[in-house]
Amino acid sequence: MPNPGGTSGEVDHGIVLPQWEFGADAGSIVAYAVAAEAAGWDGVFLADHLVFPPADELKDAPDTPGYEGFADPWITLAAVAAETERIRLVSWVTPLPRRQPWQLARNLATLDRLSDGRVTLGTGLGRGTDYVPFGRSYDLPELGRRYDEALDVMEGLWRGEPFSYDGDHFTLEEATVLPTPVQEPRIPIVVGGLWPHRKPIQRGARWDGIVPHYPGDGIHPDDPDEATPEEEVRSLLEYYRECTDEPGEVFLPADPPHAPDDWIDRCANLGATWLYTTNRDPSGEWHVDIETIRAGPPA
């Protein structure tokens, strides 16, 4: 299994960069990433949406805010790679079923070489607005099957040898895509999802880890019923460990609403390997400014 973490035995800290603030201004996002590396952050996280804000119910589109520019994460991260030396480059997360896996495999292998092995692919199913406006069905079971095949195809192509595949969604005949990634055996893949749905956790157990959202984290659409956020994290990680003998990376938010002062220590004790800061307050507002980044990771 790839080892995308930083210092062994320590929790790494990432910062979610504010694409929603800069729209199509990728240069400002790159400047934030450079500042993050200088301030000691271990990773920068970029979301992947075609339509922003990503309205969940297209029938309500007339009542949603006007759409805004949203920089492509992988092109932006290529610019970040050219301006940095150490910081990890993470997608948070890429709706894999809407991508052609061979094209994404080559794009990421190229970025992995450009960054000298600093890429982590975060994956998910995405939202309706990642598909429906572009003539694609948002059928979750079918997208899930396409998702799993796409992961298999990318892994096969990253070997750099002739690769054949016969699936319901993808067919390859002795296909070779070069270059291969720097990281061996491949670029690490971590899987997003909404707890308590089990399927994303199972998928993450087959790959290299999980980026779960859970009720009470400030990002999950639902609030917890009776369980506290810590109880939600504990239950999802217990289930994750039931699914694999070799747990991989666990990405959790460092700043969920109403988190106790010792939240970071609690997450580390529960098994988190990465904590990412969103600077999202209890009202749901985001405040990721340059001073937040320059202050460095939370203690």
C-alpha atoms as a PDB file:
ATOM      1  CA  MET A   1       0.000   0.000   0.000  1.00  0.00           C
ATOM      2  CA  PRO A   2       1.305   3.480  -0.751  1.00  0.00           C
ATOM      3  CA  ASN A   3       2.321   5.567   2.246  1.00  0.00           C
ATOM      4  CA  PRO A   4       1.144   9.097   1.493  1.00  0.00           C
ATOM      5  CA  GLY A   5       1.496  10.436   5.018  1.00  0.00           C
ATOM      6  CA  GLY A   6       4.216  12.647   6.378  1.00  0.00           C
ATOM      7  CA  THR A   7       6.265  12.013   9.501  1.00  0.00           C
ATOM      8  CA  SER A   8       5.752   8.493  10.795  1.00  0.00           C
ATOM      9  CA  GLY A   9       3.592   8.311  13.930  1.00  0.00           C
ATOM     10  CA  GLU A  10       2.312  11.882  13.644  1.00  0.00           C
ATOM     11  CA  VAL A  11      -0.941  13.351  12.375  1.00  0.00           C
ATOM     12  CA  ASP A  12      -0.457  15.406   9.223  1.00  0.00           C
ATOM     13  CA  HIS A  13      -2.293  18.697   8.725  1.00  0.00           C
ATOM     14  CA  GLY A  14      -3.886  19.910   5.512  1.00  0.00           C
ATOM     15  CA  ILE A  15      -5.641  23.142   4.591  1.00  0.00           C
ATOM     16  CA  VAL A  16      -8.650  23.310   2.261  1.00  0.00           C
ATOM     17  CA  LEU A  17      -7.863  26.122  -0.182  1.00  0.00           C
ATOM     18  CA  PRO A  18     -10.711  28.602  -0.866  1.00  0.00           C
ATOM     19  CA  GLN A  19     -11.608  28.060  -4.522  1.00  0.00           C
ATOM     20  CA  TRP A  20     -15.046  29.523  -3.787  1.00  0.00           C
ATOM     21  CA  GLU A  21     -13.381  32.847  -2.938  1.00  0.00           C
ATOM     22  CA  PHE A  22     -11.182  33.112  -6.013  1.00  0.00           C
ATOM     23  CA  GLY A  23     -13.415  31.591  -8.683  1.00  0.00           C
ATOM     24  CA  ALA A  24     -11.378  31.218 -11.857  1.00  0.00           C
ATOM     25  CA  ASP A  25      -8.378  33.040 -10.326  1.00  0.00           C
ATOM     26  CA  ALA A  26      -6.135  30.000  -9.985  1.00  0.00           C
ATOM     27  CA  GLY A  27      -3.079  32.203  -9.438  1.00  0.00           C
ATOM     28  CA  SER A  28      -4.347  33.326  -6.037  1.00  0.00           C
ATOM     29  CA  ILE A  29      -4.978  29.708  -5.040  1.00  0.00           C
ATOM     30  CA  VAL A  30      -1.381  28.890  -5.982  1.00  0.00           C
ATOM     31  CA  ALA A  31      -0.151  31.800  -3.834  1.00  0.00           C
ATOM     32  CA  TYR A  32      -2.124  30.433  -0.876  1.00  0.00           C
ATOM     33  CA  ALA A  33      -0.581  26.993  -1.411  1.00  0.00           C
ATOM     34  CA  VAL A  34       2.937  28.447  -1.478  1.00  0.00           C
ATOM     35  CA  ALA A  35       2.170  30.272   1.790  1.00  0.00           C
ATOM     36  CA  ALA A  36       0.837  27.025   3.271  1.00  0.00           C
ATOM     37  CA  GLU A  37       4.075  25.205   2.562  1.00  0.00           C
ATOM     38  CA  ALA A  38       6.095  28.049   4.082  1.00  0.00           C
ATOM     39  CA  ALA A  39       3.904  27.957   7.212  1.00  0.00           C
ATOM     40  CA  GLY A  40       4.437  24.228   7.779  1.00  0.00           C
ATOM     41  CA  TRP A  41       1.212  22.688   6.503  1.00  0.00           C
ATOM     42  CA  ASP A  42       1.622  19.125   5.207  1.00  0.00           C
ATOM     43  CA  GLY A  43      -0.985  19.209   2.443  1.00  0.00           C
ATOM     44  CA  VAL A  44      -3.305  21.397   0.406  1.00  0.00           C
ATOM     45  CA  PHE A  45      -6.783  20.217  -0.523  1.00  0.00           C
ATOM     46  CA  LEU A  46      -8.771  21.336  -3.567  1.00  0.00           C
ATOM     47  CA  ALA A  47     -12.387  20.489  -4.318  1.00  0.00           C
ATOM     48  CA  ASP A  48     -13.448  19.205  -7.743  1.00  0.00           C
ATOM     49  CA  HIS A  49     -16.712  20.570  -9.143  1.00  0.00           C
ATOM     50  CA  LEU A  50     -17.798  21.462 -12.657  1.00  0.00           C
ATOM     51  CA  VAL A  51     -20.764  23.481 -11.420  1.00  0.00           C
ATOM     52  CA  PHE A  52     -20.504  25.719  -8.362  1.00  0.00           C
ATOM     53  CA  PRO A  53     -22.370  26.161  -6.080  1.00  0.00           C
ATOM     54  CA  PRO A  54     -23.132  22.444  -6.484  1.00  0.00           C
ATOM     55  CA  ALA A  55     -26.917  22.491  -6.028  1.00  0.00           C
ATOM     56  CA  ASP A  56     -28.161  19.041  -5.025  1.00  0.00           C
ATOM     57  CA  GLU A  57     -31.672  19.448  -6.420  1.00  0.00           C
ATOM     58  CA  LEU A  58     -31.641  20.625 -10.013  1.00  0.00           C
ATOM     59  CA  LYS A  59     -35.386  21.243  -9.947  1.00  0.00           C
ATOM     60  CA  ASP A  60     -34.657  24.046  -7.454  1.00  0.00           C
ATOM     61  CA  ALA A  61     -31.979  25.615  -9.647  1.00  0.00           C
ATOM     62  CA  PRO A  62     -33.925  28.866 -10.215  1.00  0.00           C
ATOM     63  CA  ASP A  63     -33.801  29.489  -6.471  1.00  0.00           C
ATOM     64  CA  THR A  64     -30.107  28.728  -6.024  1.00  0.00           C
ATOM     65  CA  PRO A  65     -27.322  31.338  -6.099  1.00  0.00           C
ATOM     66  CA  GLY A  66     -25.898  32.200  -9.483  1.00  0.00           C
ATOM     67  CA  TYR A  67     -23.183  29.912 -10.695  1.00  0.00           C
ATOM     68  CA  GLU A  68     -19.597  31.039 -10.219  1.00  0.00           C
ATOM     69  CA  GLY A  69     -16.188  30.243 -11.639  1.00  0.00           C
ATOM     70  CA  PHE A  70     -14.383  27.329 -10.011  1.00  0.00           C
ATOM     71  CA  ALA A  71     -10.794  26.540 -10.960  1.00  0.00           C
ATOM     72  CA  ASP A  72      -9.956  23.021 -12.102  1.00  0.00           C
ATOM     73  CA  PRO A  73      -8.120  21.325  -9.219  1.00  0.00           C
ATOM     74  CA  TRP A  74      -5.605  19.315 -11.198  1.00  0.00           C
ATOM     75  CA  ILE A  75      -4.415  22.132 -13.434  1.00  0.00           C
ATOM     76  CA  THR A  76      -4.184  24.367 -10.372  1.00  0.00           C
ATOM     77  CA  LEU A  77      -2.271  21.707  -8.446  1.00  0.00           C
ATOM     78  CA  ALA A  78       0.168  21.394 -11.354  1.00  0.00           C
ATOM     79  CA  ALA A  79       0.965  25.090 -10.874  1.00  0.00           C
ATOM     80  CA  VAL A  80       1.287  24.480  -7.121  1.00  0.00           C
ATOM     81  CA  ALA A  81       3.677  21.596  -7.788  1.00  0.00           C
ATOM     82  CA  ALA A  82       5.914  23.874  -9.847  1.00  0.00           C
ATOM     83  CA  GLU A  83       6.096  26.433  -7.027  1.00  0.00           C
ATOM     84  CA  THR A  84       6.552  24.105  -4.039  1.00  0.00           C
ATOM     85  CA  GLU A  85       8.853  21.301  -2.930  1.00  0.00           C
ATOM     86  CA  ARG A  86       7.278  19.428  -0.051  1.00  0.00           C
ATOM     87  CA  ILE A  87       3.560  19.947   0.436  1.00  0.00           C
ATOM     88  CA  ARG A  88       1.159  17.153  -0.523  1.00  0.00           C
ATOM     89  CA  LEU A  89      -1.404  17.730  -3.314  1.00  0.00           C
ATOM     90  CA  VAL A  90      -4.832  16.270  -2.547  1.00  0.00           C
ATOM     91  CA  SER A  91      -8.198  16.327  -4.356  1.00  0.00           C
ATOM     92  CA  TRP A  92     -11.152  16.751  -1.978  1.00  0.00           C
ATOM     93  CA  VAL A  93     -12.711  14.855  -3.810  1.00  0.00           C
ATOM     94  CA  THR A  94     -12.838  14.006  -7.527  1.00  0.00           C
ATOM     95  CA  PRO A  95     -16.172  12.574  -8.826  1.00  0.00           C
ATOM     96  CA  LEU A  96     -14.464   9.678 -10.524  1.00  0.00           C
ATOM     97  CA  PRO A  97     -17.420   8.252 -12.495  1.00  0.00           C
ATOM     98  CA  ARG A  98     -17.611  11.391 -14.646  1.00  0.00           C
ATOM     99  CA  ARG A  99     -13.967  11.034 -15.721  1.00  0.00           C
ATOM    100  CA  GLN A 100     -12.408   8.829 -18.379  1.00  0.00           C
ATOM    101  CA  PRO A 101     -10.055   6.739 -16.237  1.00  0.00           C
ATOM    102  CA  TRP A 102      -7.258   6.512 -18.817  1.00  0.00           C
ATOM    103  CA  GLN A 103      -7.137  10.286 -19.230  1.00  0.00           C
ATOM    104  CA  LEU A 104      -7.148  10.903 -15.473  1.00  0.00           C
ATOM    105  CA  ALA A 105      -4.520   8.183 -14.978  1.00  0.00           C
ATOM    106  CA  ARG A 106      -2.152   9.944 -17.375  1.00  0.00           C
ATOM    107  CA  ASN A 107      -2.905  13.408 -15.972  1.00  0.00           C
ATOM    108  CA  LEU A 108      -2.156  12.298 -12.429  1.00  0.00           C
ATOM    109  CA  ALA A 109       0.938  10.329 -13.371  1.00  0.00           C
ATOM    110  CA  THR A 110       2.264  13.444 -15.084  1.00  0.00           C
ATOM    111  CA  LEU A 111       1.470  15.549 -11.997  1.00  0.00           C
ATOM    112  CA  ASP A 112       3.084  12.940  -9.756  1.00  0.00           C
ATOM    113  CA  ARG A 113       6.287  13.232 -11.775  1.00  0.00           C
ATOM    114  CA  LEU A 114       6.115  17.020 -11.820  1.00  0.00           C
ATOM    115  CA  SER A 115       5.727  17.064  -8.020  1.00  0.00           C
ATOM    116  CA  ASP A 116       8.218  14.246  -7.355  1.00  0.00           C
ATOM    117  CA  GLY A 117       5.587  11.942  -5.896  1.00  0.00           C
ATOM    118  CA  ARG A 118       3.304  14.246  -3.890  1.00  0.00           C
ATOM    119  CA  VAL A 119      -0.152  13.422  -5.297  1.00  0.00           C
ATOM    120  CA  THR A 120      -3.067  11.863  -3.402  1.00  0.00           C
ATOM    121  CA  LEU A 121      -6.269  11.115  -5.307  1.00  0.00           C
ATOM    122  CA  GLY A 122      -9.391  11.628  -3.230  1.00  0.00           C
ATOM    123  CA  THR A 123     -12.399  10.091  -4.965  1.00  0.00           C
ATOM    124  CA  GLY A 124     -16.160  10.105  -4.627  1.00  0.00           C
ATOM    125  CA  LEU A 125     -19.405   9.754  -6.558  1.00  0.00           C
ATOM    126  CA  GLY A 126     -20.074  13.483  -6.723  1.00  0.00           C
ATOM    127  CA  ARG A 127     -23.390  15.324  -6.830  1.00  0.00           C
ATOM    128  CA  GLY A 128     -26.203  15.537  -9.337  1.00  0.00           C
ATOM    129  CA  THR A 129     -24.777  18.751 -10.741  1.00  0.00           C
ATOM    130  CA  ASP A 130     -21.603  16.875 -11.687  1.00  0.00           C
ATOM    131  CA  TYR A 131     -23.679  14.837 -14.158  1.00  0.00           C
ATOM    132  CA  VAL A 132     -27.209  15.961 -15.023  1.00  0.00           C
ATOM    133  CA  PRO A 133     -26.411  19.316 -16.717  1.00  0.00           C
ATOM    134  CA  PHE A 134     -24.043  17.418 -19.005  1.00  0.00           C
ATOM    135  CA  GLY A 135     -26.540  14.804 -20.145  1.00  0.00           C
ATOM    136  CA  ARG A 136     -25.506  12.123 -17.662  1.00  0.00           C
ATOM    137  CA  SER A 137     -27.818  10.170 -15.379  1.00  0.00           C
ATOM    138  CA  TYR A 138     -27.332  10.525 -11.641  1.00  0.00           C
ATOM    139  CA  ASP A 139     -28.113   6.871 -10.927  1.00  0.00           C
ATOM    140  CA  LEU A 140     -26.051   6.134  -7.812  1.00  0.00           C
ATOM    141  CA  PRO A 141     -25.924   2.308  -8.059  1.00  0.00           C
ATOM    142  CA  GLU A 142     -24.878   2.505 -11.703  1.00  0.00           C
ATOM    143  CA  LEU A 143     -22.338   5.246 -10.979  1.00  0.00           C
ATOM    144  CA  GLY A 144     -20.964   3.110  -8.150  1.00  0.00           C
ATOM    145  CA  ARG A 145     -20.319   0.246 -10.543  1.00  0.00           C
ATOM    146  CA  ARG A 146     -18.635   2.605 -13.007  1.00  0.00           C
ATOM    147  CA  TYR A 147     -16.607   4.045 -10.126  1.00  0.00           C
ATOM    148  CA  ASP A 148     -15.228   0.651  -9.096  1.00  0.00           C
ATOM    149  CA  GLU A 149     -14.326  -0.231 -12.677  1.00  0.00           C
ATOM    150  CA  ALA A 150     -12.599   3.124 -13.144  1.00  0.00           C
ATOM    151  CA  LEU A 151     -10.446   2.494 -10.069  1.00  0.00           C
ATOM    152  CA  ASP A 152      -9.458  -0.927 -11.410  1.00  0.00           C
ATOM    153  CA  VAL A 153      -8.605   0.558 -14.805  1.00  0.00           C
ATOM    154  CA  MET A 154      -6.449   3.313 -13.347  1.00  0.00           C
ATOM    155  CA  GLU A 155      -4.545   0.884 -11.156  1.00  0.00           C
ATOM    156  CA  GLY A 156      -3.919  -1.359 -14.158  1.00  0.00           C
ATOM    157  CA  LEU A 157      -2.748   1.477 -16.380  1.00  0.00           C
ATOM    158  CA  TRP A 158      -0.381   2.829 -13.725  1.00  0.00           C
ATOM    159  CA  ARG A 159       1.676  -0.362 -14.061  1.00  0.00           C
ATOM    160  CA  GLY A 160       2.985   0.947 -17.376  1.00  0.00           C
ATOM    161  CA  GLU A 161       2.475  -2.382 -19.156  1.00  0.00           C
ATOM    162  CA  PRO A 162      -0.071  -3.553 -21.736  1.00  0.00           C
ATOM    163  CA  PHE A 163      -3.342  -3.828 -19.822  1.00  0.00           C
ATOM    164  CA  SER A 164      -6.627  -5.429 -20.834  1.00  0.00           C
ATOM    165  CA  TYR A 165      -9.963  -5.051 -19.098  1.00  0.00           C
ATOM    166  CA  ASP A 166     -13.464  -6.283 -19.900  1.00  0.00           C
ATOM    167  CA  GLY A 167     -16.096  -4.597 -17.763  1.00  0.00           C
ATOM    168  CA  ASP A 168     -19.637  -3.349 -18.140  1.00  0.00           C
ATOM    169  CA  HIS A 169     -18.448   0.252 -18.519  1.00  0.00           C
ATOM    170  CA  PHE A 170     -14.865   0.041 -19.772  1.00  0.00           C
ATOM    171  CA  THR A 171     -13.089  -2.236 -22.232  1.00  0.00           C
ATOM    172  CA  LEU A 172      -9.358  -2.040 -22.873  1.00  0.00           C
ATOM    173  CA  GLU A 173      -7.241  -4.212 -25.157  1.00  0.00           C
ATOM    174  CA  GLU A 174      -3.513  -4.279 -24.427  1.00  0.00           C
ATOM    175  CA  ALA A 175      -3.596  -0.561 -23.591  1.00  0.00           C
ATOM    176  CA  THR A 176      -0.482   1.178 -22.278  1.00  0.00           C
ATOM    177  CA  VAL A 177      -0.556   4.694 -20.844  1.00  0.00           C
ATOM    178  CA  LEU A 178       2.702   6.431 -19.993  1.00  0.00           C
ATOM    179  CA  PRO A 179       4.280   7.937 -17.979  1.00  0.00           C
ATOM    180  CA  THR A 180       3.823   5.945 -14.801  1.00  0.00           C
ATOM    181  CA  PRO A 181       3.661   7.682 -11.412  1.00  0.00           C
ATOM    182  CA  VAL A 182       6.747   8.252  -9.275  1.00  0.00           C
ATOM    183  CA  GLN A 183       5.026   6.679  -6.270  1.00  0.00           C
ATOM    184  CA  GLU A 184       5.073   2.914  -6.031  1.00  0.00           C
ATOM    185  CA  PRO A 185       3.141   0.803  -6.514  1.00  0.00           C
ATOM    186  CA  ARG A 186       0.908   3.751  -7.567  1.00  0.00           C
ATOM    187  CA  ILE A 187      -0.629   7.043  -6.523  1.00  0.00           C
ATOM    188  CA  PRO A 188      -2.556   6.537  -3.246  1.00  0.00           C
ATOM    189  CA  ILE A 189      -6.344   6.539  -3.525  1.00  0.00           C
ATOM    190  CA  VAL A 190      -8.559   7.615  -0.628  1.00  0.00           C
ATOM    191  CA  VAL A 191     -12.326   7.381  -0.765  1.00  0.00           C
ATOM    192  CA  GLY A 192     -14.865   9.993   0.291  1.00  0.00           C
ATOM    193  CA  GLY A 193     -18.393   9.322   1.428  1.00  0.00           C
ATOM    194  CA  LEU A 194     -21.185  10.191   3.838  1.00  0.00           C
ATOM    195  CA  TRP A 195     -21.322   8.126   7.014  1.00  0.00           C
ATOM    196  CA  PRO A 196     -23.359   6.072   7.992  1.00  0.00           C
ATOM    197  CA  HIS A 197     -23.413   4.786   4.378  1.00  0.00           C
ATOM    198  CA  ARG A 198     -21.268   1.652   4.432  1.00  0.00           C
ATOM    199  CA  LYS A 199     -20.331   1.305   0.778  1.00  0.00           C
ATOM    200  CA  PRO A 200     -17.767   4.174   0.703  1.00  0.00           C
ATOM    201  CA  ILE A 201     -16.076   2.781   3.820  1.00  0.00           C
ATOM    202  CA  GLN A 202     -15.882  -0.653   2.217  1.00  0.00           C
ATOM    203  CA  ARG A 203     -14.435   0.889  -0.945  1.00  0.00           C
ATOM    204  CA  GLY A 204     -11.847   2.834   1.059  1.00  0.00           C
ATOM    205  CA  ALA A 205     -10.841  -0.366   2.838  1.00  0.00           C
ATOM    206  CA  ARG A 206     -10.021  -1.931  -0.551  1.00  0.00           C
ATOM    207  CA  TRP A 207      -7.826   1.035  -1.468  1.00  0.00           C
ATOM    208  CA  ASP A 208      -5.704   3.339   0.686  1.00  0.00           C
ATOM    209  CA  GLY A 209      -8.004   5.033   3.131  1.00  0.00           C
ATOM    210  CA  ILE A 210     -11.076   7.159   3.726  1.00  0.00           C
ATOM    211  CA  VAL A 211     -12.143  10.826   3.676  1.00  0.00           C
ATOM    212  CA  PRO A 212     -15.504  10.456   5.432  1.00  0.00           C
ATOM    213  CA  HIS A 213     -18.057  13.121   6.256  1.00  0.00           C
ATOM    214  CA  TYR A 214     -20.202  12.333   9.270  1.00  0.00           C
ATOM    215  CA  PRO A 215     -23.212  13.989  10.945  1.00  0.00           C
ATOM    216  CA  GLY A 216     -21.996  16.936  12.986  1.00  0.00           C
ATOM    217  CA  ASP A 217     -18.796  17.618  11.044  1.00  0.00           C
ATOM    218  CA  GLY A 218     -20.159  20.849   9.555  1.00  0.00           C
ATOM    219  CA  ILE A 219     -20.027  19.480   5.996  1.00  0.00           C
ATOM    220  CA  HIS A 220     -22.307  16.428   6.132  1.00  0.00           C
ATOM    221  CA  PRO A 221     -25.839  17.538   5.188  1.00  0.00           C
ATOM    222  CA  ASP A 222     -27.324  15.986   8.343  1.00  0.00           C
ATOM    223  CA  ASP A 223     -26.852  16.801  12.002  1.00  0.00           C
ATOM    224  CA  PRO A 224     -26.303  13.959  14.470  1.00  0.00           C
ATOM    225  CA  ASP A 225     -29.455  12.603  16.104  1.00  0.00           C
ATOM    226  CA  GLU A 226     -28.253  11.490  19.494  1.00  0.00           C
ATOM    227  CA  ALA A 227     -24.610  10.567  18.918  1.00  0.00           C
ATOM    228  CA  THR A 228     -21.905  13.180  19.443  1.00  0.00           C
ATOM    229  CA  PRO A 229     -19.418  13.860  16.624  1.00  0.00           C
ATOM    230  CA  GLU A 230     -16.804  11.873  18.541  1.00  0.00           C
ATOM    231  CA  GLU A 231     -19.195   8.929  18.784  1.00  0.00           C
ATOM    232  CA  GLU A 232     -19.875   9.207  15.041  1.00  0.00           C
ATOM    233  CA  VAL A 233     -16.127   9.120  14.305  1.00  0.00           C
ATOM    234  CA  ARG A 234     -15.588   6.225  16.667  1.00  0.00           C
ATOM    235  CA  SER A 235     -18.371   4.161  15.095  1.00  0.00           C
ATOM    236  CA  LEU A 236     -17.265   4.805  11.498  1.00  0.00           C
ATOM    237  CA  LEU A 237     -13.643   3.935  12.314  1.00  0.00           C
ATOM    238  CA  GLU A 238     -14.701   0.769  14.121  1.00  0.00           C
ATOM    239  CA  TYR A 239     -16.595  -0.249  11.008  1.00  0.00           C
ATOM    240  CA  TYR A 240     -13.640   0.695   8.789  1.00  0.00           C
ATOM    241  CA  ARG A 241     -11.322  -1.557  10.786  1.00  0.00           C
ATOM    242  CA  GLU A 242     -13.818  -4.397  10.474  1.00  0.00           C
ATOM    243  CA  CYS A 243     -13.470  -4.093   6.698  1.00  0.00           C
ATOM    244  CA  THR A 244      -9.688  -4.407   6.473  1.00  0.00           C
ATOM    245  CA  ASP A 245      -6.724  -5.919   8.284  1.00  0.00           C
ATOM    246  CA  GLU A 246      -4.523  -3.071   7.053  1.00  0.00           C
ATOM    247  CA  PRO A 247      -6.246   0.276   7.631  1.00  0.00           C
ATOM    248  CA  GLY A 248      -4.850   3.066   5.504  1.00  0.00           C
ATOM    249  CA  GLU A 249      -5.116   6.829   5.788  1.00  0.00           C
ATOM    250  CA  VAL A 250      -7.966   8.438   7.729  1.00  0.00           C
ATOM    251  CA  PHE A 251      -8.741  12.082   6.879  1.00  0.00           C
ATOM    252  CA  LEU A 252     -10.905  13.998   9.367  1.00  0.00           C
ATOM    253  CA  PRO A 253     -11.790  17.696   9.755  1.00  0.00           C
ATOM    254  CA  ALA A 254      -9.696  19.481  12.363  1.00  0.00           C
ATOM    255  CA  ASP A 255     -12.334  22.130  13.022  1.00  0.00           C
ATOM    256  CA  PRO A 256     -15.880  20.751  13.093  1.00  0.00           C
ATOM    257  CA  PRO A 257     -18.445  23.081  14.693  1.00  0.00           C
ATOM    258  CA  HIS A 258     -18.439  23.084  18.492  1.00  0.00           C
ATOM    259  CA  ALA A 259     -15.344  20.860  18.656  1.00  0.00           C
ATOM    260  CA  PRO A 260     -13.840  20.517  22.140  1.00  0.00           C
ATOM    261  CA  ASP A 261     -10.461  22.093  22.803  1.00  0.00           C
ATOM    262  CA  ASP A 262      -8.737  18.706  22.711  1.00  0.00           C
ATOM    263  CA  TRP A 263     -10.415  17.605  19.460  1.00  0.00           C
ATOM    264  CA  ILE A 264      -7.142  17.113  17.593  1.00  0.00           C
ATOM    265  CA  ASP A 265      -5.780  14.824  20.304  1.00  0.00           C
ATOM    266  CA  ARG A 266      -9.035  12.901  20.363  1.00  0.00           C
ATOM    267  CA  CYS A 267      -8.909  12.372  16.589  1.00  0.00           C
ATOM    268  CA  ALA A 268      -5.299  11.213  16.769  1.00  0.00           C
ATOM    269  CA  ASN A 269      -6.200   8.755  19.524  1.00  0.00           C
ATOM    270  CA  LEU A 270      -9.101   7.459  17.455  1.00  0.00           C
ATOM    271  CA  GLY A 271      -6.771   6.761  14.517  1.00  0.00           C
ATOM    272  CA  ALA A 272      -6.787   9.821  12.257  1.00  0.00           C
ATOM    273  CA  THR A 273      -3.660  10.161  10.122  1.00  0.00           C
ATOM    274  CA  TRP A 274      -4.652  13.479   8.495  1.00  0.00           C
ATOM    275  CA  LEU A 275      -6.588  16.440   9.866  1.00  0.00           C
ATOM    276  CA  TYR A 276      -7.727  19.104   7.426  1.00  0.00           C
ATOM    277  CA  THR A 277      -8.717  22.625   8.357  1.00  0.00           C
ATOM    278  CA  THR A 278     -11.689  24.227   6.617  1.00  0.00           C
ATOM    279  CA  ASN A 279     -12.206  27.249   8.900  1.00  0.00           C
ATOM    280  CA  ARG A 280     -15.932  26.681   8.715  1.00  0.00           C
ATOM    281  CA  ASP A 281     -17.752  28.200  11.683  1.00  0.00           C
ATOM    282  CA  PRO A 282     -20.973  26.872  13.282  1.00  0.00           C
ATOM    283  CA  SER A 283     -23.080  29.079  10.975  1.00  0.00           C
ATOM    284  CA  GLY A 284     -21.642  27.293   7.945  1.00  0.00           C
ATOM    285  CA  GLU A 285     -19.515  30.217   6.782  1.00  0.00           C
ATOM    286  CA  TRP A 286     -15.955  29.701   5.517  1.00  0.00           C
ATOM    287  CA  HIS A 287     -13.105  32.058   6.426  1.00  0.00           C
ATOM    288  CA  VAL A 288      -9.917  30.748   4.858  1.00  0.00           C
ATOM    289  CA  ASP A 289      -7.758  33.836   4.437  1.00  0.00           C
ATOM    290  CA  ILE A 290      -4.027  34.265   4.070  1.00  0.00           C
ATOM    291  CA  GLU A 291      -3.559  34.971   7.785  1.00  0.00           C
ATOM    292  CA  THR A 292      -5.228  31.664   8.627  1.00  0.00           C
ATOM    293  CA  ILE A 293      -2.728  29.912   6.402  1.00  0.00           C
ATOM    294  CA  ARG A 294       0.287  31.854   7.662  1.00  0.00           C
ATOM    295  CA  ALA A 295      -0.612  30.960  11.242  1.00  0.00           C
ATOM    296  CA  GLY A 296       0.275  27.366  10.408  1.00  0.00           C
ATOM    297  CA  PRO A 297      -1.379  24.088  11.429  1.00  0.00           C
ATOM    298  CA  PRO A 298      -3.365  23.889  14.667  1.00  0.00           C
ATOM    299  CA  ALA A 299      -1.391  22.811  17.694  1.00  0.00           C
END
